Amino acid sequence: VNLQTLRNKDAREIGAEWLCKQAFEQLGIGAFLRGQSWSEENISLATTHIISRAAYPASELKTVSFIKENSAVCELTGYDKDKITKDHLYSISHKLYSIKDKLESYLSKRTNELFDLEDKIILFDLTNTYYEGSMRNSKIAKYGHSKEKRSDAKLVVLAAVINREGFLKYSNIFEGNTADCETLQTIID
């Protein structure tokens, strides 16, 4: 073989994608989505999106470029890479978010089973972020108490409950004030 004559074409990454696909399957996320009456095409798109974002965390627009130019994720998930658009990724993200609580509950139980975990110690964290600009069209950004002492900017609060191994057990986004987070007390108790 003359190495000077070798050429490669359309080379793509597969390492991180393969690892993420294995984790996705062990967690049984596809089966969970089937149980939620999702179509195989939507499951394939969701799988593609989740794996891509895990391997290359970026915006939906950049994720499309990653999938089409660098990644072999579609070969693993069976989703046609020519059908991938940022709008399809936004759409499947919204569909996943609509079952967020059920999915989090399922994943919490599944990780406990897989890793033989007991939820003995739970850590609770609140963080918030403020926005520049008026955010007039936002339904959740509100004026509140920001950790940066910004009273002039609307903010949202992210709450997370994790176990001692770092597995997420609950998360939520609250309207701009930490006082709105009383629901988390019932989860911690």
Foldseek 3Di string as FASTA:
>chain_A
DDPVPDDDDLDADCVQLVVLVVVCVLLVVLVVVVVVVDDLQLSLLLSLLVSLCVVPPDQLQVSLVCCVRHHPNCVVSVHDSVPRDSVSSVVSVVVCVVCVVVVLQSSVVSVCVVVVDDQDDKDKDKAKDWDPDDPVVDPAFDQEQHPVRDRPTTMKMKMFIAGPVGRTNDIDIHRRYPVVVPVVVVVVD
